[in-house]
Amino acid sequence: MAELLPSPPAGRYEDPATERLYRKQRLAAAFRLFSRFGFEEGVAGHITARDPEDTETFWVNPFAMHFGHISVSDLIQVDASGEVIDGDRPVNRAAFAIHSQVHAARPDVVAAAHSHSVHGKAWSALGRLLEPITQDVCAFYEDHGLFDDYTGVVLDTEEGKRIAHALGEHKAVILRNHGLLTVGHSVEEAAWWFITMERSCQAQLLASAAGTTVLIDPDQATRTHAQIGHPMAGRINFKPLLDRIVAEQPDLLD
């Protein structure tokens, strides 16, 4: 049975092969967690991790494979033209159209996550940014964008470029009538931002349905963002979830 690589003290491993395995293990764990949280919607949804050596390529889930079945060995590597260069299963064309352009536009991004989670797509139908109504949502305060358009299933890289533009330098973007997309400087970060953003959408929907929301003061929201919205916060918050899913489903490391 494979073992989970520990987090490197310097943030990443110097050896590309070890860093690659580190990222792929977290990627497989993220898919299992997304399955646990019910973020699947048929064949929709994908999380990618940039390869640490061939940085114009990324690792992603195979097309039409259930998140709850994905292990490290199932992940496929896709190049800048959309060809699978490692793995024997096809890539989701929407995954390539979106993620290839996000990775190209943001060299600092190691991972990106997108799925059709229920509360994320419900909130996206309103065509609005999230408001600072809770401590947790302040992680996204003035740090998420809105792609205020919908033109069908994203299969064209030009549409992916527009999504990347709407993302800008933020950690997340709401895709109107579609769902959420988050990015991070690590797989852990991108996955955690998606999980907590989905929950923030749920909280906003519940609070708005119950009555008039009270917003956190802008200065306090900015201060809270600095405390909980930085990259290390994303990695730290993902760790308990990682430890639990690996303990419960160690086969994800195979």
Foldseek 3Di string as FASTA:
>chain_A
DDDQDDQDPVRADPDQVVRQLNQLQLQLLLLLVCVVVVQADFQFKKKWFARPPLRLKIKMAATRDRSNPAASQRIFIAGLVLDTPGHDGHHDLLCNLQVSLLCVLDVLWGMKIDTQGPLQLVLLQVQDDFAQQDLLCLLCVVQEFELRDDDDRRNHNVVNNSVNVRNPRHQKYRYRNGGIMGTASGSQLNSQVRVSVSVSSVVVVVVVVVHDTDGDPPVVSNVSNVVQNDRVNSNVVSVVSSVVSCVVCVRSHD
